[in-house]
């Protein structure tokens, strides 16, 4: 995944908080998810039935998530 993200002690990327606004993510990753920009990430993940931001971005690009 592009961008600078914090990692936990094991080296895995830290999960993005569920209360971040989708508009912020759309700007950071240059994506348009087709939803209101004031929606929370957690709500979007529930609606899209995805486990993480990485899965959501990968599905929009037609790639398999890492």
Protein backbone atom coordinates (compact mmCIF):
# COMPACT_ATOMS: atom_id res chain seq x y z
CA UNK A 1 0.00 0.00 0.00
CA UNK A 2 1.33 3.40 -0.86
CA UNK A 3 1.82 6.12 1.71
CA UNK A 4 3.50 6.32 5.06
CA UNK A 5 1.75 4.23 7.68
CA UNK A 6 2.85 3.30 11.17
CA UNK A 7 3.83 -0.28 11.90
CA UNK A 8 3.25 -2.28 15.06
CA UNK A 9 6.02 -4.13 16.94
CA UNK A 10 5.85 -7.17 14.66
CA UNK A 11 6.39 -5.00 11.58
CA UNK A 12 2.87 -5.36 10.22
CA UNK A 13 1.06 -2.19 9.14
CA UNK A 14 -1.12 -0.74 11.88
CA UNK A 15 -4.86 -0.80 11.15
CA UNK A 16 -6.41 2.51 10.20
CA UNK A 17 -8.87 3.82 12.78
CA UNK A 18 -12.54 3.21 11.99
CA UNK A 19 -13.57 6.76 12.85
CA UNK A 20 -11.46 8.45 10.14
CA UNK A 21 -13.51 10.19 7.45
CA UNK A 22 -13.65 8.63 3.99
CA UNK A 23 -12.92 12.02 2.40
CA UNK A 24 -9.53 12.08 4.11
CA UNK A 25 -8.69 8.62 2.75
CA UNK A 26 -9.92 9.52 -0.74
CA UNK A 27 -7.58 12.54 -0.80
CA UNK A 28 -4.58 10.68 0.62
CA UNK A 29 -4.81 7.69 -1.72
CA UNK A 30 -6.34 9.51 -4.76
CA UNK A 31 -9.39 7.25 -4.81
CA UNK A 32 -13.11 7.86 -5.15
CA UNK A 33 -15.26 5.34 -3.29
CA UNK A 34 -18.54 6.90 -4.45
CA UNK A 35 -19.84 7.68 -0.95
CA UNK A 36 -20.21 10.83 1.12
CA UNK A 37 -16.90 12.22 2.29
CA UNK A 38 -18.14 12.57 5.89
CA UNK A 39 -18.82 8.82 6.22
CA UNK A 40 -16.59 6.94 8.67
CA UNK A 41 -14.22 4.27 7.38
CA UNK A 42 -15.78 1.66 9.69
CA UNK A 43 -19.20 2.20 8.11
CA UNK A 44 -17.79 1.94 4.59
CA UNK A 45 -15.94 -1.28 5.44
CA UNK A 46 -19.16 -2.78 6.85
CA UNK A 47 -21.15 -1.82 3.74
CA UNK A 48 -18.47 -3.16 1.39
CA UNK A 49 -17.98 -6.28 3.56
CA UNK A 50 -14.22 -5.71 3.73
CA UNK A 51 -11.93 -6.36 6.69
CA UNK A 52 -9.45 -3.53 6.19
CA UNK A 53 -8.57 -0.42 4.22
CA UNK A 54 -6.04 -2.46 2.24
CA UNK A 55 -8.76 -4.94 1.19
CA UNK A 56 -11.04 -2.08 0.17
CA UNK A 57 -8.40 -0.36 -1.98
CA UNK A 58 -7.31 -3.66 -3.55
CA UNK A 59 -10.90 -4.52 -4.47
CA UNK A 60 -11.37 -1.16 -6.17
CA UNK A 61 -8.19 -1.75 -8.23
CA UNK A 62 -9.09 -5.30 -9.17
CA UNK A 63 -6.07 -6.73 -7.33
CA UNK A 64 -5.83 -9.41 -4.68
CA UNK A 65 -5.13 -7.99 -1.18
CA UNK A 66 -1.71 -8.69 0.32
